[in-house]
N, C-alpha and C. Protein backbone atom coordinates (compact mmCIF):
# COMPACT_ATOMS: atom_id res chain seq x y z
N MET A 1 11.26 37.61 -4.31
CA MET A 1 11.36 37.57 -5.74
C MET A 1 11.37 36.12 -6.26
N LYS A 2 12.08 35.31 -5.52
CA LYS A 2 12.17 33.89 -5.93
C LYS A 2 10.84 33.20 -5.91
N VAL A 3 10.02 33.56 -4.88
CA VAL A 3 8.72 32.95 -4.73
C VAL A 3 7.80 33.36 -5.88
N LYS A 4 7.85 34.69 -6.27
CA LYS A 4 7.02 35.19 -7.31
C LYS A 4 7.39 34.52 -8.66
N PHE A 5 8.71 34.29 -8.87
CA PHE A 5 9.17 33.71 -10.08
C PHE A 5 8.67 32.28 -10.23
N ILE A 6 8.74 31.53 -9.14
CA ILE A 6 8.29 30.12 -9.13
C ILE A 6 6.78 30.08 -9.41
N ALA A 7 6.05 30.96 -8.72
CA ALA A 7 4.62 30.99 -8.91
C ALA A 7 4.23 31.33 -10.34
N GLY A 8 4.96 32.32 -10.89
CA GLY A 8 4.69 32.68 -12.23
C GLY A 8 4.98 31.60 -13.25
N PHE A 9 6.07 30.85 -13.04
CA PHE A 9 6.43 29.77 -13.87
C PHE A 9 5.37 28.67 -13.78
N PHE A 10 4.94 28.39 -12.59
CA PHE A 10 3.91 27.34 -12.35
C PHE A 10 2.61 27.67 -13.10
N LEU A 11 2.20 28.97 -13.04
CA LEU A 11 0.97 29.38 -13.69
C LEU A 11 1.13 29.35 -15.22
N SER A 12 2.34 29.43 -15.72
CA SER A 12 2.55 29.41 -17.18
C SER A 12 2.30 27.99 -17.70
N ILE A 13 2.40 26.99 -16.85
CA ILE A 13 2.20 25.60 -17.24
C ILE A 13 0.78 25.15 -16.98
N PHE A 14 0.18 25.60 -15.86
CA PHE A 14 -1.17 25.22 -15.47
C PHE A 14 -2.13 26.39 -15.49
N ALA A 15 -3.35 26.14 -15.93
CA ALA A 15 -4.37 27.18 -15.91
C ALA A 15 -5.09 27.15 -14.55
N LEU A 16 -5.31 28.31 -13.96
CA LEU A 16 -5.92 28.40 -12.64
C LEU A 16 -7.44 28.24 -12.72
N ALA A 17 -8.02 27.43 -11.86
CA ALA A 17 -9.47 27.28 -11.81
C ALA A 17 -9.92 27.32 -10.37
N PRO A 18 -11.19 27.66 -10.06
CA PRO A 18 -11.67 27.64 -8.71
C PRO A 18 -11.55 26.28 -8.12
N ALA A 19 -11.42 26.22 -6.77
CA ALA A 19 -11.33 24.94 -6.07
C ALA A 19 -12.64 24.24 -6.06
N SER A 20 -12.88 23.32 -7.00
CA SER A 20 -14.06 22.57 -7.09
C SER A 20 -13.76 21.24 -7.79
N ALA A 21 -14.67 20.30 -7.75
CA ALA A 21 -14.44 19.03 -8.41
C ALA A 21 -14.29 19.21 -9.93
N ILE A 22 -13.06 18.95 -10.43
CA ILE A 22 -12.78 19.14 -11.81
C ILE A 22 -12.95 17.81 -12.57
N GLN A 23 -13.75 17.83 -13.62
CA GLN A 23 -13.92 16.61 -14.47
C GLN A 23 -13.01 16.75 -15.70
N TYR A 24 -12.67 15.57 -16.22
CA TYR A 24 -11.86 15.54 -17.45
C TYR A 24 -12.76 15.12 -18.59
N ASN A 25 -12.98 16.04 -19.51
CA ASN A 25 -13.87 15.76 -20.65
C ASN A 25 -15.19 15.16 -20.24
N GLY A 26 -15.75 15.67 -19.12
CA GLY A 26 -17.04 15.26 -18.60
C GLY A 26 -16.99 14.00 -17.77
N SER A 27 -15.83 13.45 -17.52
CA SER A 27 -15.73 12.24 -16.72
C SER A 27 -15.37 12.56 -15.30
N ALA A 28 -16.14 12.01 -14.36
CA ALA A 28 -15.93 12.23 -12.92
C ALA A 28 -14.88 11.29 -12.34
N VAL A 29 -14.53 10.26 -13.07
CA VAL A 29 -13.44 9.31 -12.70
C VAL A 29 -12.55 9.14 -13.91
N TYR A 30 -11.27 9.50 -13.74
CA TYR A 30 -10.34 9.44 -14.85
C TYR A 30 -8.94 9.11 -14.28
N LYS A 31 -7.95 8.93 -15.19
CA LYS A 31 -6.62 8.58 -14.73
C LYS A 31 -5.56 9.49 -15.39
N ALA A 32 -4.41 9.50 -14.80
CA ALA A 32 -3.23 10.19 -15.37
C ALA A 32 -2.02 9.43 -14.94
N THR A 33 -1.08 9.24 -15.84
CA THR A 33 0.18 8.56 -15.54
C THR A 33 1.34 9.50 -15.72
N GLU A 34 2.02 9.76 -14.58
CA GLU A 34 3.18 10.66 -14.65
C GLU A 34 4.33 9.99 -13.93
N ASN A 35 5.50 10.03 -14.57
CA ASN A 35 6.72 9.38 -14.00
C ASN A 35 6.48 7.91 -13.69
N GLY A 36 5.70 7.25 -14.55
CA GLY A 36 5.45 5.87 -14.36
C GLY A 36 4.43 5.52 -13.28
N ILE A 37 3.83 6.52 -12.62
CA ILE A 37 2.86 6.26 -11.56
C ILE A 37 1.48 6.67 -12.06
N THR A 38 0.55 5.71 -12.00
CA THR A 38 -0.80 5.98 -12.43
C THR A 38 -1.64 6.39 -11.21
N THR A 39 -2.35 7.54 -11.37
CA THR A 39 -3.28 8.03 -10.37
C THR A 39 -4.68 8.08 -10.90
N VAL A 40 -5.62 7.58 -10.12
CA VAL A 40 -7.03 7.69 -10.51
C VAL A 40 -7.64 8.85 -9.74
N TYR A 41 -8.24 9.79 -10.45
CA TYR A 41 -8.89 10.95 -9.84
C TYR A 41 -10.43 10.70 -9.73
N ILE A 42 -10.95 10.85 -8.57
CA ILE A 42 -12.36 10.58 -8.28
C ILE A 42 -13.01 11.85 -7.74
N ASN A 43 -13.98 12.37 -8.43
CA ASN A 43 -14.71 13.59 -7.99
C ASN A 43 -15.56 13.30 -6.75
N GLY A 44 -15.63 14.29 -5.85
CA GLY A 44 -16.48 14.12 -4.68
C GLY A 44 -16.56 15.44 -3.93
N ASN A 45 -17.27 15.44 -2.82
CA ASN A 45 -17.36 16.60 -2.00
C ASN A 45 -16.18 16.71 -1.04
N PRO A 46 -15.54 17.86 -1.01
CA PRO A 46 -14.35 18.05 -0.13
C PRO A 46 -14.61 17.53 1.29
N GLY A 47 -13.69 16.72 1.79
CA GLY A 47 -13.82 16.23 3.17
C GLY A 47 -14.59 14.92 3.27
N SER A 48 -15.31 14.52 2.20
CA SER A 48 -16.06 13.27 2.26
C SER A 48 -15.15 12.08 2.00
N LYS A 49 -15.67 10.90 2.21
CA LYS A 49 -14.92 9.66 2.00
C LYS A 49 -15.35 8.93 0.77
N VAL A 50 -14.45 8.27 0.11
CA VAL A 50 -14.75 7.45 -1.02
C VAL A 50 -14.31 6.02 -0.72
N ALA A 51 -15.20 5.06 -0.86
CA ALA A 51 -14.91 3.67 -0.58
C ALA A 51 -14.41 2.98 -1.79
N VAL A 52 -13.19 2.41 -1.75
CA VAL A 52 -12.59 1.76 -2.89
C VAL A 52 -12.28 0.30 -2.53
N ASP A 53 -12.75 -0.63 -3.35
CA ASP A 53 -12.44 -2.04 -3.19
C ASP A 53 -11.59 -2.50 -4.31
N LEU A 54 -10.30 -2.79 -4.01
CA LEU A 54 -9.37 -3.25 -5.05
C LEU A 54 -9.39 -4.73 -5.29
N GLY A 55 -10.19 -5.46 -4.49
CA GLY A 55 -10.23 -6.86 -4.62
C GLY A 55 -9.03 -7.52 -3.99
N GLN A 56 -8.65 -8.72 -4.47
CA GLN A 56 -7.50 -9.41 -3.93
C GLN A 56 -6.22 -8.92 -4.60
N VAL A 57 -5.31 -8.44 -3.77
CA VAL A 57 -4.02 -7.93 -4.32
C VAL A 57 -2.89 -8.57 -3.54
N SER A 58 -1.74 -8.68 -4.15
CA SER A 58 -0.56 -9.23 -3.52
C SER A 58 0.07 -8.20 -2.60
N LYS A 59 0.26 -8.57 -1.33
CA LYS A 59 0.84 -7.67 -0.34
C LYS A 59 2.12 -8.28 0.26
N THR A 60 3.15 -7.45 0.38
CA THR A 60 4.42 -7.89 0.97
C THR A 60 4.73 -7.11 2.20
N VAL A 61 5.03 -7.81 3.29
CA VAL A 61 5.35 -7.12 4.54
C VAL A 61 6.60 -7.79 5.14
N SER A 62 7.26 -7.10 6.03
CA SER A 62 8.37 -7.67 6.75
C SER A 62 7.99 -7.87 8.22
N LYS A 63 8.45 -8.98 8.78
CA LYS A 63 8.07 -9.34 10.16
C LYS A 63 9.30 -9.92 10.81
N LEU A 64 9.49 -9.60 12.09
CA LEU A 64 10.62 -10.18 12.86
C LEU A 64 10.27 -11.58 13.38
N SER A 65 11.19 -12.52 13.25
CA SER A 65 10.99 -13.83 13.79
C SER A 65 11.01 -13.76 15.31
N ALA A 66 10.29 -14.68 15.97
CA ALA A 66 10.24 -14.66 17.42
C ALA A 66 11.46 -15.39 18.05
N ALA A 67 11.47 -15.47 19.37
CA ALA A 67 12.61 -16.01 20.11
C ALA A 67 12.96 -17.45 19.75
N CYS A 68 12.02 -18.25 19.28
CA CYS A 68 12.27 -19.62 18.89
C CYS A 68 12.47 -19.75 17.37
N GLY A 69 12.70 -18.62 16.69
CA GLY A 69 12.90 -18.65 15.24
C GLY A 69 11.62 -18.88 14.44
N ASP A 70 10.50 -18.70 15.06
CA ASP A 70 9.20 -18.89 14.39
C ASP A 70 8.60 -17.57 13.92
N VAL A 71 7.83 -17.64 12.87
CA VAL A 71 7.06 -16.52 12.35
C VAL A 71 5.64 -16.93 12.22
N ARG A 72 4.78 -16.15 12.86
CA ARG A 72 3.35 -16.50 12.89
C ARG A 72 2.60 -15.56 11.90
N ILE A 73 1.85 -16.17 10.99
CA ILE A 73 1.17 -15.40 9.95
C ILE A 73 -0.33 -15.60 10.11
N SER A 74 -1.01 -14.55 10.43
CA SER A 74 -2.48 -14.62 10.61
C SER A 74 -3.16 -14.75 9.26
N ILE A 75 -4.39 -15.24 9.33
CA ILE A 75 -5.18 -15.44 8.10
C ILE A 75 -5.38 -14.10 7.38
N PRO A 76 -5.00 -13.96 6.14
CA PRO A 76 -5.16 -12.68 5.40
C PRO A 76 -6.62 -12.42 5.12
N LYS A 77 -7.06 -11.20 5.04
CA LYS A 77 -8.42 -10.83 4.78
C LYS A 77 -8.94 -11.41 3.46
N GLY A 78 -10.01 -12.15 3.56
CA GLY A 78 -10.62 -12.72 2.35
C GLY A 78 -9.88 -13.85 1.68
N ASN A 79 -8.82 -14.35 2.35
CA ASN A 79 -8.00 -15.42 1.76
C ASN A 79 -7.68 -16.45 2.82
N PRO A 80 -8.66 -17.28 3.25
CA PRO A 80 -8.42 -18.24 4.31
C PRO A 80 -7.48 -19.40 3.85
N ASN A 81 -7.28 -19.57 2.57
CA ASN A 81 -6.37 -20.59 2.08
C ASN A 81 -4.95 -20.09 1.78
N PHE A 82 -4.69 -18.85 2.17
CA PHE A 82 -3.33 -18.30 2.00
C PHE A 82 -2.82 -18.42 0.53
N THR A 83 -3.64 -18.12 -0.41
CA THR A 83 -3.25 -18.13 -1.78
C THR A 83 -2.06 -17.19 -2.03
N GLY A 84 -1.04 -17.69 -2.76
CA GLY A 84 0.08 -16.83 -3.09
C GLY A 84 1.08 -16.61 -1.95
N LEU A 85 0.99 -17.46 -0.89
CA LEU A 85 1.92 -17.25 0.27
C LEU A 85 3.35 -17.57 -0.12
N ASN A 86 4.21 -16.63 0.16
CA ASN A 86 5.66 -16.76 -0.10
C ASN A 86 6.44 -16.20 1.02
N VAL A 87 7.36 -16.93 1.57
CA VAL A 87 8.16 -16.46 2.69
C VAL A 87 9.64 -16.51 2.31
N ASP A 88 10.27 -15.31 2.34
CA ASP A 88 11.71 -15.21 1.98
C ASP A 88 11.99 -15.84 0.63
N GLY A 89 11.11 -15.69 -0.33
CA GLY A 89 11.31 -16.23 -1.70
C GLY A 89 10.91 -17.68 -1.89
N THR A 90 10.39 -18.31 -0.85
CA THR A 90 9.96 -19.71 -0.97
C THR A 90 8.43 -19.84 -0.88
N ALA A 91 7.83 -20.43 -1.89
CA ALA A 91 6.37 -20.61 -1.88
C ALA A 91 5.97 -21.62 -0.80
N ILE A 92 4.88 -21.33 -0.10
CA ILE A 92 4.36 -22.18 0.92
C ILE A 92 2.99 -22.72 0.52
N ASP A 93 2.88 -24.06 0.44
CA ASP A 93 1.61 -24.67 0.08
C ASP A 93 0.78 -24.88 1.35
N TYR A 94 -0.21 -24.00 1.55
CA TYR A 94 -1.00 -24.01 2.76
C TYR A 94 -1.71 -25.37 2.94
N ALA A 95 -2.22 -25.88 1.87
CA ALA A 95 -3.07 -27.13 1.95
C ALA A 95 -2.24 -28.29 2.49
N SER A 96 -0.96 -28.35 2.19
CA SER A 96 -0.11 -29.46 2.56
C SER A 96 0.50 -29.32 3.99
N LEU A 97 0.30 -28.22 4.59
CA LEU A 97 0.91 -28.00 5.94
C LEU A 97 0.17 -28.85 6.97
N PRO A 98 0.93 -29.50 7.88
CA PRO A 98 0.25 -30.34 8.94
C PRO A 98 -0.40 -29.36 9.96
N VAL A 99 -1.43 -29.85 10.57
CA VAL A 99 -2.11 -29.11 11.65
C VAL A 99 -1.46 -29.50 12.98
N GLN A 100 -0.96 -28.52 13.68
CA GLN A 100 -0.27 -28.78 14.97
C GLN A 100 -0.54 -27.58 15.92
N THR A 101 -0.43 -27.83 17.20
CA THR A 101 -0.58 -26.71 18.14
C THR A 101 0.75 -25.95 18.26
N LEU A 102 0.69 -24.72 18.67
CA LEU A 102 1.89 -23.93 18.81
C LEU A 102 2.39 -24.09 20.26
N PRO A 103 3.54 -24.72 20.41
CA PRO A 103 4.12 -24.96 21.75
C PRO A 103 4.66 -23.68 22.38
N THR A 104 4.87 -23.76 23.69
CA THR A 104 5.50 -22.66 24.38
C THR A 104 6.98 -22.53 24.03
N CYS A 105 7.46 -21.33 23.93
CA CYS A 105 8.88 -21.10 23.68
C CYS A 105 9.60 -20.79 24.99
N LYS A 106 10.60 -21.58 25.33
CA LYS A 106 11.34 -21.36 26.55
C LYS A 106 12.85 -21.38 26.32
N ASN A 107 13.46 -20.25 26.66
CA ASN A 107 14.91 -20.11 26.49
C ASN A 107 15.35 -20.38 25.04
N GLY A 108 14.53 -19.89 24.10
CA GLY A 108 14.90 -20.04 22.68
C GLY A 108 14.61 -21.37 22.08
N THR A 109 13.86 -22.23 22.83
CA THR A 109 13.56 -23.59 22.28
C THR A 109 12.08 -23.92 22.58
N PHE A 110 11.40 -24.51 21.60
CA PHE A 110 10.01 -24.94 21.83
C PHE A 110 9.98 -26.07 22.82
N THR A 111 8.98 -26.07 23.68
CA THR A 111 8.87 -27.15 24.69
C THR A 111 8.46 -28.44 24.04
N GLU A 112 7.99 -28.36 22.79
CA GLU A 112 7.70 -29.59 21.99
C GLU A 112 8.28 -29.29 20.62
N ALA A 113 9.06 -30.19 20.10
CA ALA A 113 9.82 -29.95 18.86
C ALA A 113 8.88 -29.65 17.68
N ARG A 114 9.31 -28.68 16.87
CA ARG A 114 8.59 -28.36 15.61
C ARG A 114 9.70 -28.13 14.56
N THR A 115 9.87 -29.17 13.74
CA THR A 115 10.98 -29.10 12.76
C THR A 115 10.53 -28.69 11.35
N ALA A 116 9.26 -28.62 11.15
CA ALA A 116 8.73 -28.21 9.84
C ALA A 116 7.59 -27.18 9.98
N ASN A 117 7.40 -26.42 8.99
CA ASN A 117 6.29 -25.40 9.00
C ASN A 117 4.96 -26.14 9.21
N PHE A 118 4.00 -25.41 9.88
CA PHE A 118 2.73 -26.01 10.12
C PHE A 118 1.68 -24.94 10.24
N LYS A 119 0.41 -25.37 10.40
CA LYS A 119 -0.70 -24.46 10.64
C LYS A 119 -1.39 -24.86 11.91
N THR A 120 -1.88 -23.89 12.66
CA THR A 120 -2.54 -24.16 13.90
C THR A 120 -4.00 -24.61 13.66
N PRO A 121 -4.68 -25.18 14.64
CA PRO A 121 -6.07 -25.53 14.50
C PRO A 121 -6.97 -24.37 14.09
N LYS A 122 -6.55 -23.15 14.41
CA LYS A 122 -7.31 -21.92 14.04
C LYS A 122 -6.93 -21.38 12.65
N GLY A 123 -6.01 -22.06 11.99
CA GLY A 123 -5.67 -21.66 10.61
C GLY A 123 -4.46 -20.80 10.45
N GLN A 124 -3.83 -20.35 11.58
CA GLN A 124 -2.68 -19.50 11.51
C GLN A 124 -1.48 -20.35 10.97
N VAL A 125 -0.68 -19.73 10.06
CA VAL A 125 0.51 -20.39 9.57
C VAL A 125 1.72 -20.07 10.46
N VAL A 126 2.52 -21.06 10.78
CA VAL A 126 3.69 -20.89 11.59
C VAL A 126 4.93 -21.35 10.77
N ILE A 127 5.83 -20.47 10.52
CA ILE A 127 7.08 -20.79 9.81
C ILE A 127 8.15 -20.96 10.88
N VAL A 128 8.93 -22.06 10.78
CA VAL A 128 9.96 -22.35 11.79
C VAL A 128 11.37 -22.35 11.16
N GLY A 129 12.36 -22.37 11.98
CA GLY A 129 13.72 -22.54 11.52
C GLY A 129 14.45 -21.26 11.15
N LYS A 130 13.81 -20.10 11.45
CA LYS A 130 14.43 -18.83 11.16
C LYS A 130 15.39 -18.40 12.30
N THR A 131 16.31 -17.53 12.02
CA THR A 131 17.15 -16.97 13.07
C THR A 131 16.32 -16.01 13.91
N PRO A 132 16.29 -16.18 15.24
CA PRO A 132 15.51 -15.28 16.08
C PRO A 132 15.78 -13.78 15.85
N SER A 133 14.76 -13.00 15.88
CA SER A 133 14.83 -11.54 15.78
C SER A 133 15.42 -11.06 14.47
N THR A 134 15.20 -11.82 13.38
CA THR A 134 15.63 -11.39 12.07
C THR A 134 14.39 -11.05 11.18
N SER A 135 14.59 -10.20 10.16
CA SER A 135 13.49 -9.75 9.35
C SER A 135 13.16 -10.86 8.31
N VAL A 136 11.87 -11.13 8.26
CA VAL A 136 11.38 -12.14 7.31
C VAL A 136 10.38 -11.48 6.32
N SER A 137 10.55 -11.70 5.04
CA SER A 137 9.68 -11.15 4.01
C SER A 137 8.51 -12.09 3.74
N ILE A 138 7.28 -11.59 3.83
CA ILE A 138 6.07 -12.36 3.65
C ILE A 138 5.21 -11.74 2.58
N THR A 139 4.84 -12.55 1.55
CA THR A 139 3.96 -12.07 0.48
C THR A 139 2.74 -13.00 0.44
N VAL A 140 1.58 -12.41 0.32
CA VAL A 140 0.34 -13.16 0.28
C VAL A 140 -0.76 -12.30 -0.33
N MET A 141 -1.78 -12.98 -0.91
CA MET A 141 -2.91 -12.27 -1.48
C MET A 141 -3.88 -11.92 -0.35
N ALA A 142 -4.47 -10.74 -0.42
CA ALA A 142 -5.44 -10.32 0.59
C ALA A 142 -6.36 -9.25 0.05
N ASP A 143 -7.56 -9.15 0.64
CA ASP A 143 -8.51 -8.14 0.26
C ASP A 143 -7.90 -6.77 0.53
N SER A 144 -8.15 -5.83 -0.39
CA SER A 144 -7.69 -4.47 -0.21
C SER A 144 -8.82 -3.48 -0.29
N LEU A 145 -9.23 -2.98 0.86
CA LEU A 145 -10.31 -2.00 0.95
C LEU A 145 -9.71 -0.69 1.45
N ARG A 146 -10.11 0.41 0.82
CA ARG A 146 -9.61 1.71 1.21
C ARG A 146 -10.74 2.71 1.38
N SER A 147 -10.51 3.64 2.28
CA SER A 147 -11.38 4.80 2.43
C SER A 147 -10.54 6.03 2.23
N ILE A 148 -10.79 6.70 1.08
CA ILE A 148 -9.95 7.83 0.70
C ILE A 148 -10.70 9.16 0.90
N THR A 149 -10.03 10.09 1.52
CA THR A 149 -10.62 11.40 1.78
C THR A 149 -10.54 12.30 0.57
N VAL A 150 -11.59 12.93 0.15
CA VAL A 150 -11.61 13.89 -0.93
C VAL A 150 -10.92 15.14 -0.51
N ASN A 151 -10.00 15.61 -1.33
CA ASN A 151 -9.25 16.83 -0.96
C ASN A 151 -10.08 18.10 -1.09
N GLN A 152 -9.51 19.23 -0.77
CA GLN A 152 -10.29 20.49 -0.75
C GLN A 152 -10.56 21.02 -2.17
N CYS A 153 -10.02 20.36 -3.19
CA CYS A 153 -10.32 20.70 -4.56
C CYS A 153 -11.34 19.71 -5.17
N GLY A 154 -11.89 18.83 -4.33
CA GLY A 154 -12.93 17.95 -4.82
C GLY A 154 -12.49 16.70 -5.50
N ASN A 155 -11.25 16.25 -5.23
CA ASN A 155 -10.74 15.01 -5.83
C ASN A 155 -10.21 14.06 -4.75
N ALA A 156 -10.54 12.75 -4.89
CA ALA A 156 -9.89 11.68 -4.10
C ALA A 156 -8.89 11.05 -5.04
N LEU A 157 -7.67 10.83 -4.55
CA LEU A 157 -6.59 10.30 -5.40
C LEU A 157 -6.30 8.85 -5.04
N LEU A 158 -6.45 7.98 -5.99
CA LEU A 158 -6.17 6.54 -5.81
C LEU A 158 -4.89 6.16 -6.52
N ARG A 159 -3.93 5.67 -5.73
CA ARG A 159 -2.66 5.21 -6.30
C ARG A 159 -2.38 3.82 -5.68
N ALA A 160 -1.50 3.06 -6.39
CA ALA A 160 -1.10 1.75 -5.89
C ALA A 160 -0.20 1.89 -4.67
N SER A 161 -0.23 0.91 -3.82
CA SER A 161 0.67 0.88 -2.67
C SER A 161 2.12 0.69 -3.19
N LYS A 162 3.09 1.04 -2.36
CA LYS A 162 4.49 0.92 -2.77
C LYS A 162 4.81 -0.51 -3.11
N GLY A 163 5.49 -0.72 -4.23
CA GLY A 163 5.88 -2.06 -4.63
C GLY A 163 4.81 -2.85 -5.36
N SER A 164 3.65 -2.19 -5.65
CA SER A 164 2.56 -2.92 -6.37
C SER A 164 2.02 -1.98 -7.41
N THR A 165 1.03 -2.50 -8.17
CA THR A 165 0.34 -1.76 -9.19
C THR A 165 -1.17 -1.83 -8.94
N LEU A 166 -1.89 -0.89 -9.51
CA LEU A 166 -3.35 -0.93 -9.41
C LEU A 166 -3.87 -2.12 -10.16
N PRO A 167 -4.93 -2.82 -9.61
CA PRO A 167 -5.47 -3.96 -10.34
C PRO A 167 -6.24 -3.54 -11.55
N PRO A 168 -6.48 -4.43 -12.52
CA PRO A 168 -7.18 -4.09 -13.77
C PRO A 168 -8.58 -3.60 -13.55
N THR A 169 -9.25 -4.17 -12.52
CA THR A 169 -10.63 -3.72 -12.19
C THR A 169 -10.76 -3.43 -10.70
N PHE A 170 -11.68 -2.57 -10.35
CA PHE A 170 -11.94 -2.22 -8.94
C PHE A 170 -13.27 -1.53 -8.86
N THR A 171 -13.79 -1.36 -7.64
CA THR A 171 -15.06 -0.68 -7.47
C THR A 171 -14.86 0.59 -6.61
N ILE A 172 -15.65 1.60 -6.97
CA ILE A 172 -15.61 2.87 -6.21
C ILE A 172 -17.04 3.16 -5.82
N ASN A 173 -17.24 3.24 -4.49
CA ASN A 173 -18.62 3.42 -3.96
C ASN A 173 -19.61 2.46 -4.58
N GLY A 174 -19.17 1.23 -4.79
CA GLY A 174 -20.06 0.18 -5.30
C GLY A 174 -20.16 0.08 -6.77
N THR A 175 -19.55 1.01 -7.56
CA THR A 175 -19.58 0.95 -9.01
C THR A 175 -18.26 0.40 -9.54
N SER A 176 -18.34 -0.57 -10.47
CA SER A 176 -17.15 -1.21 -10.96
C SER A 176 -16.52 -0.36 -12.15
N TYR A 177 -15.16 -0.31 -12.12
CA TYR A 177 -14.41 0.39 -13.13
C TYR A 177 -13.30 -0.50 -13.66
N THR A 178 -12.91 -0.33 -14.91
CA THR A 178 -11.79 -0.96 -15.53
C THR A 178 -10.73 0.04 -15.79
N LEU A 179 -9.52 -0.17 -15.23
CA LEU A 179 -8.45 0.82 -15.32
C LEU A 179 -8.10 1.18 -16.76
N ALA A 180 -8.03 0.19 -17.62
CA ALA A 180 -7.64 0.44 -19.03
C ALA A 180 -8.68 1.24 -19.75
N SER A 181 -9.95 1.23 -19.30
CA SER A 181 -11.01 1.97 -19.97
C SER A 181 -11.20 3.34 -19.47
N LEU A 182 -10.54 3.74 -18.39
CA LEU A 182 -10.74 5.07 -17.84
C LEU A 182 -10.16 6.13 -18.83
N PRO A 183 -10.84 7.28 -18.95
CA PRO A 183 -10.26 8.36 -19.73
C PRO A 183 -8.88 8.72 -19.24
N ASN A 184 -7.93 8.89 -20.15
CA ASN A 184 -6.55 9.21 -19.77
C ASN A 184 -6.28 10.70 -19.97
N ALA A 185 -6.14 11.40 -18.84
CA ALA A 185 -5.91 12.87 -18.86
C ALA A 185 -4.47 13.20 -19.18
N GLY A 186 -3.59 12.21 -19.15
CA GLY A 186 -2.17 12.46 -19.39
C GLY A 186 -1.51 13.08 -18.14
N LYS A 187 -1.97 14.24 -17.78
CA LYS A 187 -1.53 14.91 -16.54
C LYS A 187 -2.75 15.23 -15.71
N GLY A 188 -2.60 15.16 -14.40
CA GLY A 188 -3.74 15.42 -13.52
C GLY A 188 -3.74 16.82 -13.02
N PRO A 189 -4.89 17.30 -12.48
CA PRO A 189 -5.00 18.60 -11.90
C PRO A 189 -4.19 18.69 -10.60
N VAL A 190 -3.75 19.85 -10.25
CA VAL A 190 -2.97 20.02 -9.00
C VAL A 190 -3.76 20.93 -8.06
N CYS A 191 -3.90 20.49 -6.83
CA CYS A 191 -4.63 21.29 -5.79
C CYS A 191 -3.61 22.08 -4.97
N LYS A 192 -3.75 23.39 -4.92
CA LYS A 192 -2.80 24.21 -4.18
C LYS A 192 -3.52 25.18 -3.24
N LYS A 193 -2.95 25.39 -2.08
CA LYS A 193 -3.51 26.30 -1.08
C LYS A 193 -2.75 27.59 -1.12
N SER A 194 -3.48 28.73 -1.19
CA SER A 194 -2.84 30.04 -1.21
C SER A 194 -2.31 30.41 0.14
N SER A 195 -1.02 30.78 0.22
CA SER A 195 -0.42 31.16 1.50
C SER A 195 -0.94 32.50 1.98
N SER A 196 -1.57 33.30 1.12
CA SER A 196 -2.05 34.59 1.52
C SER A 196 -3.54 34.55 1.92
N THR A 197 -4.35 33.78 1.18
CA THR A 197 -5.79 33.72 1.52
C THR A 197 -6.20 32.45 2.19
N GLY A 198 -5.39 31.39 2.11
CA GLY A 198 -5.76 30.15 2.74
C GLY A 198 -6.79 29.36 1.92
N LYS A 199 -7.14 29.87 0.77
CA LYS A 199 -8.15 29.22 -0.07
C LYS A 199 -7.42 28.25 -1.09
N TYR A 200 -8.16 27.24 -1.48
CA TYR A 200 -7.60 26.23 -2.42
C TYR A 200 -8.02 26.54 -3.85
N SER A 201 -7.14 26.28 -4.78
CA SER A 201 -7.42 26.45 -6.21
C SER A 201 -6.89 25.23 -6.95
N THR A 202 -7.53 24.94 -8.09
CA THR A 202 -7.08 23.81 -8.92
C THR A 202 -6.36 24.30 -10.17
N TYR A 203 -5.21 23.73 -10.36
CA TYR A 203 -4.37 24.09 -11.57
C TYR A 203 -4.57 23.01 -12.61
N ILE A 204 -5.08 23.39 -13.78
CA ILE A 204 -5.42 22.42 -14.82
C ILE A 204 -4.34 22.40 -15.91
N PRO A 205 -3.83 21.24 -16.33
CA PRO A 205 -2.86 21.22 -17.38
C PRO A 205 -3.39 21.82 -18.68
N PRO A 206 -2.60 22.55 -19.43
CA PRO A 206 -3.07 23.17 -20.68
C PRO A 206 -3.40 22.16 -21.77
N SER A 207 -2.98 20.93 -21.62
CA SER A 207 -3.31 19.88 -22.60
C SER A 207 -4.74 19.46 -22.56
N TRP A 208 -5.43 19.84 -21.49
CA TRP A 208 -6.85 19.47 -21.35
C TRP A 208 -7.67 20.29 -22.34
N SER A 209 -8.66 19.72 -22.92
CA SER A 209 -9.50 20.41 -23.91
C SER A 209 -10.86 20.85 -23.34
N ASN A 210 -11.20 20.34 -22.11
CA ASN A 210 -12.50 20.69 -21.59
C ASN A 210 -12.48 21.98 -20.76
């Protein structure tokens, strides 16, 4: 009884449509913002891949420092100059870092002293002076390329990574889009699989006019 009630309530809010690529007012790419999260809906063939290039975006990761208190940061994709590099809240100027080799670490000490941050001849950044085996926060700009699978209702869903927002412009399968200019559906369609038939159906918000 409880399941039927929930299903009935759900259908009272959304209109049921066959599982196929649903456009919003004739647009195959549109957006919806719910609970402060913007999702871009991209029409496509179920199971196919959509190539999305978000360009340069700020990425934050955590990394453990090594036995000698050093943190090694590889060159970020598309950003050989480490633009926007920030470690534990401190900005790092890549251009001013001295070029030095990375010495061997023995019993928690470098075999050759390294008292300041540096970059290796291959361009890797090395941060020194951290407590060994502690978490270090690293933020840097890097290329963001995604391959998104189209769901069984014919939509690929593009959302920002945790802690970030979607960039103002991006490309989808080679075509450029501006987030602010995308049609705003308010609420997006919902793809649901029937527990009885195993088939997928799309539930469309009643606020849609198409």
